[in-house]
Protein backbone atom coordinates (compact mmCIF):
# COMPACT_ATOMS: atom_id res chain seq x y z
CA MET A 1 83.97 13.41 -30.35
CA PHE A 2 84.16 9.80 -29.03
CA THR A 3 81.70 10.60 -26.36
CA ARG A 4 79.09 11.86 -28.84
CA TRP A 5 79.57 8.78 -31.09
CA LEU A 6 79.18 6.49 -28.02
CA ALA A 7 75.98 8.27 -27.02
CA ALA A 8 74.64 8.08 -30.55
CA ALA A 9 75.39 4.39 -30.73
CA PHE A 10 73.77 3.71 -27.43
CA SER A 11 70.56 5.67 -28.51
CA ALA A 12 70.45 3.43 -31.71
CA LEU A 13 70.49 0.35 -29.56
CA LEU A 14 67.52 1.43 -27.61
CA VAL A 15 65.43 1.46 -30.63
CA LEU A 16 66.45 -1.83 -32.08
CA PRO A 17 63.66 -4.53 -31.86
CA ALA A 18 64.08 -6.87 -29.02
CA PRO A 19 64.85 -10.50 -30.08
CA ALA A 20 61.68 -12.65 -30.33
CA SER A 21 60.91 -14.84 -27.42
CA ALA A 22 61.19 -18.60 -27.98
CA GLN A 23 57.98 -20.38 -28.57
CA GLU A 24 57.07 -22.60 -25.62
CA THR A 25 56.06 -26.23 -26.34
CA LEU A 26 53.63 -28.09 -24.24
CA ARG A 27 53.61 -31.85 -24.20
CA LEU A 28 50.07 -33.18 -23.61
CA THR A 29 48.70 -36.72 -23.57
CA VAL A 30 45.14 -37.15 -24.90
CA ALA A 31 43.44 -40.43 -23.91
CA ALA A 32 40.21 -42.37 -24.48
CA GLY A 33 39.14 -45.85 -23.79
CA HIS A 34 37.00 -46.01 -26.98
CA PRO A 35 38.71 -46.16 -30.40
CA PRO A 36 38.32 -43.24 -32.90
CA ILE A 37 35.64 -45.04 -34.91
CA PHE A 38 33.33 -43.49 -32.32
CA LEU A 39 32.34 -39.84 -32.80
CA TRP A 40 33.30 -38.57 -29.32
CA VAL A 41 36.96 -39.75 -29.93
CA LYS A 42 36.98 -38.91 -33.51
CA HIS A 43 36.31 -35.35 -32.97
CA LEU A 44 39.12 -35.09 -30.31
CA HIS A 45 41.54 -35.78 -33.23
CA GLU A 46 39.62 -34.05 -36.02
CA THR A 47 38.24 -30.98 -34.25
CA PHE A 48 39.41 -30.31 -30.74
CA ILE A 49 43.20 -30.68 -31.28
CA PRO A 50 43.36 -28.74 -34.65
CA THR A 51 41.30 -25.93 -33.07
CA VAL A 52 43.67 -25.60 -30.08
CA ASP A 53 46.58 -25.65 -32.59
CA ALA A 54 45.01 -22.86 -34.69
CA GLU A 55 44.28 -20.62 -31.68
CA LEU A 56 47.67 -21.02 -30.33
CA ALA A 57 49.33 -20.28 -33.64
CA LYS A 58 47.58 -16.98 -33.56
CA THR A 59 49.52 -16.03 -30.29
CA GLY A 60 52.90 -17.23 -31.66
CA ARG A 61 53.89 -17.92 -28.05
CA TYR A 62 52.82 -21.56 -27.53
CA LYS A 63 52.41 -24.86 -29.49
CA VAL A 64 51.50 -28.38 -28.32
CA GLN A 65 53.24 -31.64 -29.02
CA TRP A 66 50.31 -34.10 -28.74
CA ASN A 67 50.53 -37.77 -27.71
CA GLU A 68 47.20 -39.28 -28.72
CA ALA A 69 46.40 -42.64 -27.02
CA TYR A 70 42.96 -44.07 -27.98
CA GLY A 71 41.21 -47.43 -27.92
CA GLY A 72 42.60 -48.53 -24.48
CA THR A 73 46.27 -48.04 -25.36
CA LEU A 74 46.70 -45.90 -22.33
CA THR A 75 43.45 -46.11 -20.36
CA LYS A 76 40.61 -48.64 -20.53
CA MET A 77 36.93 -47.76 -20.60
CA GLY A 78 35.84 -46.95 -17.01
CA SER A 79 39.40 -45.99 -16.01
CA GLU A 80 39.56 -42.67 -17.99
CA LEU A 81 38.66 -40.65 -14.84
CA GLU A 82 41.38 -42.19 -12.65
CA THR A 83 43.93 -41.92 -15.45
CA MET A 84 43.25 -38.13 -15.88
CA GLN A 85 42.83 -37.59 -12.16
CA GLN A 86 46.39 -38.93 -11.49
CA GLY A 87 47.91 -37.01 -14.36
CA ILE A 88 48.73 -40.01 -16.45
CA SER A 89 46.77 -38.40 -19.18
CA ASP A 90 46.45 -34.66 -19.37
CA LEU A 91 42.99 -34.53 -21.04
CA GLY A 92 40.66 -36.67 -23.17
CA ILE A 93 37.30 -38.37 -22.79
CA VAL A 94 35.69 -39.18 -19.47
CA ALA A 95 32.72 -41.45 -20.15
CA THR A 96 30.69 -40.59 -17.12
CA VAL A 97 28.32 -43.43 -17.81
CA PHE A 98 31.01 -45.89 -16.57
CA HIS A 99 31.53 -43.71 -13.40
CA SER A 100 28.01 -43.97 -11.92
CA SER A 101 29.32 -44.41 -8.36
CA LYS A 102 31.88 -41.62 -8.52
CA MET A 103 29.92 -39.07 -10.65
CA PRO A 104 26.25 -40.11 -10.14
CA LEU A 105 24.70 -36.68 -10.68
CA ASN A 106 26.46 -36.41 -14.06
CA ASN A 107 24.49 -39.49 -15.08
CA VAL A 108 21.08 -37.74 -14.74
CA THR A 109 19.90 -38.51 -18.19
CA TYR A 110 20.46 -42.34 -17.85
CA PHE A 111 17.83 -42.14 -14.95
CA VAL A 112 15.36 -40.39 -17.09
CA PRO A 113 14.66 -42.79 -19.98
CA PHE A 114 12.07 -42.10 -22.66
CA GLY A 115 13.24 -38.62 -22.89
CA PRO A 116 14.23 -36.43 -26.08
CA THR A 117 15.52 -38.34 -28.90
CA ASP A 118 17.09 -35.06 -30.21
CA ALA A 119 20.74 -35.04 -29.02
CA GLU A 120 21.01 -31.24 -29.41
CA ARG A 121 18.25 -30.64 -27.09
CA VAL A 122 19.80 -32.82 -24.51
CA VAL A 123 23.35 -31.25 -24.67
CA GLN A 124 21.83 -27.76 -24.41
CA ALA A 125 20.06 -28.83 -21.16
CA ILE A 126 23.26 -30.54 -19.89
CA ASP A 127 25.34 -27.41 -20.57
CA TYR A 128 22.75 -25.47 -18.20
CA VAL A 129 22.87 -28.18 -15.57
CA GLN A 130 26.58 -28.23 -15.61
CA THR A 131 26.52 -24.75 -14.20
CA LEU A 132 25.12 -26.09 -10.82
CA PRO A 133 27.70 -26.67 -8.17
CA GLU A 134 26.40 -30.17 -7.56
CA LEU A 135 27.60 -31.16 -10.94
CA SER A 136 30.76 -29.04 -11.24
CA GLY A 137 31.68 -30.25 -7.75
CA GLU A 138 31.79 -33.90 -8.92
CA TRP A 139 34.62 -32.88 -11.52
CA LYS A 140 36.40 -30.88 -9.06
CA LYS A 141 36.40 -33.62 -6.49
CA HIS A 142 38.38 -35.87 -8.87
CA ASN A 143 40.85 -33.13 -9.99
CA VAL A 144 39.32 -32.76 -13.51
CA VAL A 145 37.68 -29.86 -15.35
CA TYR A 146 34.67 -30.38 -17.63
CA LEU A 147 35.15 -28.72 -21.09
CA ALA A 148 32.47 -30.14 -23.50
CA GLY A 149 29.82 -32.71 -23.00
CA PHE A 150 28.84 -35.26 -25.76
CA THR A 151 25.46 -36.90 -26.19
CA LEU A 152 24.42 -40.07 -27.88
CA ASP A 153 21.65 -40.61 -30.40
CA SER A 154 18.54 -42.33 -29.19
CA TYR A 155 19.00 -45.75 -27.61
CA GLY A 156 17.27 -48.95 -28.75
CA ILE A 157 18.14 -52.57 -28.35
CA ALA A 158 20.15 -54.66 -30.89
CA ALA A 159 19.42 -58.27 -30.29
CA ARG A 160 19.20 -61.69 -31.79
CA MET A 161 15.42 -61.48 -31.84
CA PRO A 162 12.87 -58.61 -32.05
CA LEU A 163 11.81 -57.16 -28.76
CA ALA A 164 8.70 -55.23 -29.80
CA LYS A 165 6.54 -56.11 -26.90
CA VAL A 166 7.11 -56.02 -23.05
CA GLU A 167 6.44 -59.78 -22.91
CA ASP A 168 9.27 -60.36 -25.45
CA PHE A 169 11.76 -59.34 -22.72
CA LYS A 170 10.98 -62.16 -20.32
CA GLY A 171 14.08 -64.43 -19.86
CA ARG A 172 16.30 -62.45 -22.09
CA LYS A 173 19.75 -61.20 -21.12
CA ILE A 174 20.47 -57.66 -22.18
CA GLY A 175 23.93 -56.06 -22.14
CA GLY A 176 24.35 -52.46 -21.06
CA ALA A 177 26.64 -49.91 -19.48
CA GLY A 178 25.68 -49.31 -15.87
CA PRO A 179 22.42 -47.28 -15.26
CA ASN A 180 20.68 -48.08 -18.54
CA LEU A 181 20.08 -51.60 -17.05
CA ASN A 182 17.37 -50.00 -15.01
CA TRP A 183 15.36 -49.54 -18.20
CA ILE A 184 14.26 -53.15 -18.27
CA LYS A 185 13.53 -53.87 -14.62
CA ASN A 186 10.26 -55.61 -13.86
CA THR A 187 10.19 -56.97 -17.45
CA GLY A 188 11.42 -60.46 -16.75
CA ALA A 189 14.75 -59.49 -18.60
CA VAL A 190 18.20 -59.75 -16.96
CA GLY A 191 20.69 -56.84 -17.25
CA VAL A 192 24.32 -57.72 -17.79
CA GLN A 193 27.17 -55.17 -17.51
CA GLY A 194 28.92 -54.69 -20.95
CA SER A 195 30.22 -52.03 -23.30
CA LEU A 196 30.46 -51.23 -26.91
CA ASN A 197 33.89 -52.78 -27.10
CA SER A 198 32.53 -56.13 -25.85
CA PHE A 199 28.96 -56.26 -27.24
CA TYR A 200 29.77 -57.93 -30.60
CA ASN A 201 31.73 -60.91 -29.05
CA ASP A 202 29.52 -61.19 -25.97
CA ILE A 203 26.27 -61.54 -28.05
CA LYS A 204 28.01 -63.94 -30.60
CA SER A 205 29.16 -66.15 -27.73
CA GLY A 206 25.91 -66.10 -25.84
CA VAL A 207 26.81 -64.11 -22.82
CA TYR A 208 23.66 -62.02 -23.50
CA ASP A 209 20.94 -61.90 -26.15
CA GLY A 210 21.13 -58.33 -27.05
CA ALA A 211 22.42 -54.88 -25.88
CA PHE A 212 21.36 -51.31 -25.30
CA VAL A 213 22.89 -49.40 -28.20
CA PHE A 214 22.35 -46.37 -30.45
CA MET A 215 22.54 -46.70 -34.27
CA THR A 216 25.54 -44.51 -35.00
CA ALA A 217 27.60 -46.84 -32.77
CA ALA A 218 25.75 -50.04 -33.66
CA VAL A 219 26.94 -49.87 -37.30
CA PRO A 220 30.60 -49.33 -36.76
CA ALA A 221 30.49 -52.15 -34.19
CA LYS A 222 28.86 -54.29 -36.89
CA LEU A 223 26.24 -55.58 -34.40
CA PHE A 224 24.03 -56.30 -37.39
CA GLU A 225 26.11 -59.49 -37.75
CA THR A 226 25.37 -60.92 -34.31
CA ALA A 227 22.36 -58.96 -33.20
CA PRO A 228 20.37 -58.15 -36.40
CA TYR A 229 17.18 -56.90 -34.93
CA PHE A 230 17.36 -53.28 -33.80
CA THR A 231 14.20 -52.55 -31.77
CA GLU A 232 13.42 -48.89 -31.83
CA LEU A 233 12.21 -48.22 -28.32
CA ASP A 234 13.24 -44.53 -28.20
CA PHE A 235 14.77 -44.62 -24.71
CA GLY A 236 16.20 -41.18 -25.69
CA SER A 237 19.34 -39.36 -26.41
CA MET A 238 21.82 -39.60 -23.42
CA TYR A 239 24.59 -37.43 -22.15
CA ALA A 240 27.35 -39.97 -21.75
CA GLY A 241 30.48 -38.08 -20.91
CA ALA A 242 32.73 -35.14 -21.75
CA VAL A 243 35.97 -33.79 -22.94
CA ALA A 244 37.90 -32.95 -19.80
CA VAL A 245 41.35 -31.81 -18.60
CA ASN A 246 43.31 -32.58 -15.41
CA ARG A 247 42.62 -29.65 -13.08
CA THR A 248 46.22 -29.30 -11.85
CA ARG A 249 47.45 -29.03 -15.40
CA TRP A 250 44.61 -26.61 -16.25
CA GLU A 251 45.35 -24.35 -13.50
CA ARG A 252 48.88 -23.91 -14.62
CA PHE A 253 47.83 -23.03 -18.18
CA PRO A 254 48.41 -19.47 -19.15
CA ASP A 255 45.28 -17.56 -20.18
CA GLU A 256 45.91 -17.90 -23.87
CA ILE A 257 45.92 -21.71 -23.61
CA LYS A 258 42.84 -21.74 -21.58
CA ALA A 259 41.06 -19.62 -24.16
CA ALA A 260 42.24 -21.95 -26.91
CA PHE A 261 40.86 -24.98 -25.03
CA ARG A 262 37.44 -23.23 -24.54
CA LYS A 263 37.19 -22.37 -28.15
CA ALA A 264 38.14 -25.96 -29.13
CA ALA A 265 35.42 -27.32 -26.73
CA ASN A 266 32.82 -25.21 -28.46
CA ALA A 267 34.07 -26.38 -31.92
CA TYR A 268 34.10 -29.95 -30.71
CA LYS A 269 30.60 -29.89 -29.44
CA GLY A 270 29.12 -28.16 -32.64
CA LEU A 271 30.88 -30.37 -35.18
CA TYR A 272 30.13 -33.55 -33.20
CA LEU A 273 26.41 -32.79 -33.18
CA GLN A 274 26.58 -31.85 -36.88
CA GLU A 275 28.18 -35.06 -37.87
CA GLN A 276 26.11 -37.15 -35.45
CA THR A 277 22.86 -35.79 -37.10
CA ALA A 278 24.14 -36.47 -40.52
CA ARG A 279 25.18 -40.06 -39.60
CA ILE A 280 21.82 -41.22 -38.12
CA GLN A 281 20.04 -41.69 -41.44
CA ALA A 282 23.15 -43.10 -43.12
CA ALA A 283 23.62 -45.48 -40.24
CA TYR A 284 20.08 -46.83 -40.63
CA ALA A 285 20.61 -47.52 -44.24
CA ALA A 286 24.05 -49.12 -43.58
CA TRP A 287 22.35 -51.28 -40.84
CA GLU A 288 19.87 -52.68 -43.27
CA LYS A 289 22.44 -53.07 -46.07
CA GLY A 290 24.48 -55.19 -43.61
CA GLY A 291 21.47 -57.56 -43.15
CA GLY A 292 19.97 -55.92 -40.13
CA LYS A 293 16.31 -55.24 -39.58
CA VAL A 294 14.69 -52.33 -37.81
CA VAL A 295 11.80 -53.17 -35.52
CA LYS A 296 9.30 -50.49 -34.84
CA VAL A 297 7.43 -50.36 -31.50
CA ASP A 298 3.79 -49.33 -31.06
CA ALA A 299 3.59 -45.99 -29.09
CA ALA A 300 1.20 -47.82 -26.57
CA GLU A 301 3.66 -50.63 -26.06
CA ARG A 302 6.48 -48.12 -25.32
CA ALA A 303 4.25 -46.29 -22.93
CA LYS A 304 3.52 -49.64 -21.24
CA LEU A 305 7.22 -50.34 -20.80
CA ALA A 306 7.84 -46.81 -19.46
CA LYS A 307 5.04 -47.24 -16.90
CA GLN A 308 6.24 -50.79 -15.95
CA ILE A 309 9.64 -50.12 -14.83
CA PRO A 310 10.39 -48.69 -11.30
CA ASN A 311 11.10 -45.02 -11.26
CA PRO A 312 14.97 -45.14 -11.76
CA THR A 313 15.42 -41.73 -10.14
CA LEU A 314 14.35 -43.05 -6.68
CA ASP A 315 17.37 -45.37 -6.28
CA TRP A 316 19.52 -42.75 -7.83
CA ALA A 317 18.45 -40.32 -5.22
CA LYS A 318 19.48 -42.65 -2.47
CA GLN A 319 22.91 -42.93 -3.98
CA THR A 320 23.46 -39.16 -4.59
CA GLY A 321 21.40 -37.71 -1.66
CA ALA A 322 17.82 -36.58 -2.04
CA GLY A 323 18.52 -32.92 -1.99
CA PRO A 324 21.23 -32.73 -4.68
CA ALA A 325 19.37 -35.33 -6.87
CA LYS A 326 16.06 -33.38 -6.76
CA LYS A 327 17.84 -30.13 -7.67
CA VAL A 328 19.71 -31.69 -10.56
CA LEU A 329 16.68 -33.76 -11.86
CA SER A 330 14.29 -30.71 -11.68
CA ALA A 331 16.84 -28.54 -13.52
CA TYR A 332 17.35 -31.05 -16.21
CA MET A 333 13.79 -32.04 -16.90
CA GLY A 334 12.55 -28.40 -16.38
CA THR A 335 15.10 -27.21 -19.00
CA VAL A 336 13.96 -29.90 -21.46
CA ARG A 337 10.22 -29.06 -20.96
CA SER A 338 10.97 -25.36 -21.42
CA GLY A 339 11.83 -26.31 -25.02
CA GLY A 340 8.37 -27.69 -25.67
CA PHE A 341 9.14 -31.48 -25.08
CA ARG A 342 6.78 -33.66 -23.02
CA PHE A 343 8.16 -36.60 -21.29
CA THR A 344 6.50 -40.03 -21.61
CA ARG A 345 6.63 -40.23 -17.75
CA ASP A 346 7.32 -37.46 -15.38
CA PHE A 347 9.83 -39.11 -12.98
CA ASP A 348 10.66 -35.94 -11.13
CA LYS A 349 6.99 -35.46 -10.07
CA GLU A 350 6.47 -39.01 -8.59
């Protein structure tokens, strides 16, 4: 009797539900040198992180405790790559424009000025080019994984005076981040290294007369107060960096977490472009409301400037190696052309 009871009790235990496994918490630090007033950082907080959380909630197995460190609180602009490479931050923004010596091929658009002003066209081309081993290899070399690139709306110059003609550049000092200083060579202007975080004070104090900038960043930086003339030179939309993650950390992620990050990367890219597009017109209105003026440039004058500067891709090719540079340049410009765009100057054919 006892034996039959014991057997029945044991059988009942076999069909009882197993206790739920404990939810694992990952502690991740997200860093960016820029503050969240800029869209590429804003959408880390507003889009990327919430999407990861929502996707992981579906699994019931993982959640993330986020430590968000923006605006230079953990890493300065130009140091994001090293901070992530060393594992001080787990993921965040790598502004490739500030890493022209370490990631030169990823700066391809900055060596092709006067390109598309449509940011979506540029990011689609960059997504394709990122499949090339030459570009993915640069990320791997620094122990980082590319997740989603971001592009900036078309560059102009905000200055204390209008710069509507090539002759207007003579003797002027123009601030910029790395490779965009090539866009005014042979004009008589002097390029000075700077960044969005320093443009306002540097122009106000006379370090330089103006700066390369795009309207959706010029307004939050209040450059209309120190550099009220925004000259629309249509240098083009530029791929400036990406959301990335430390490779060592990435390779330890379970598949569910990798899938959540990929989903978040796609959401980030889509909503970033959507808000960027919506902001452009509003930014122009805000610029003028703040006292700024928009200076239009004649198409012939713009073509004259494009023709006058030395081909920026030639020095770039010396830095990167002629073979890799030619492959990346051809892939980028060819992809853009396949969408119907015609470059003001065909740098890849010179």
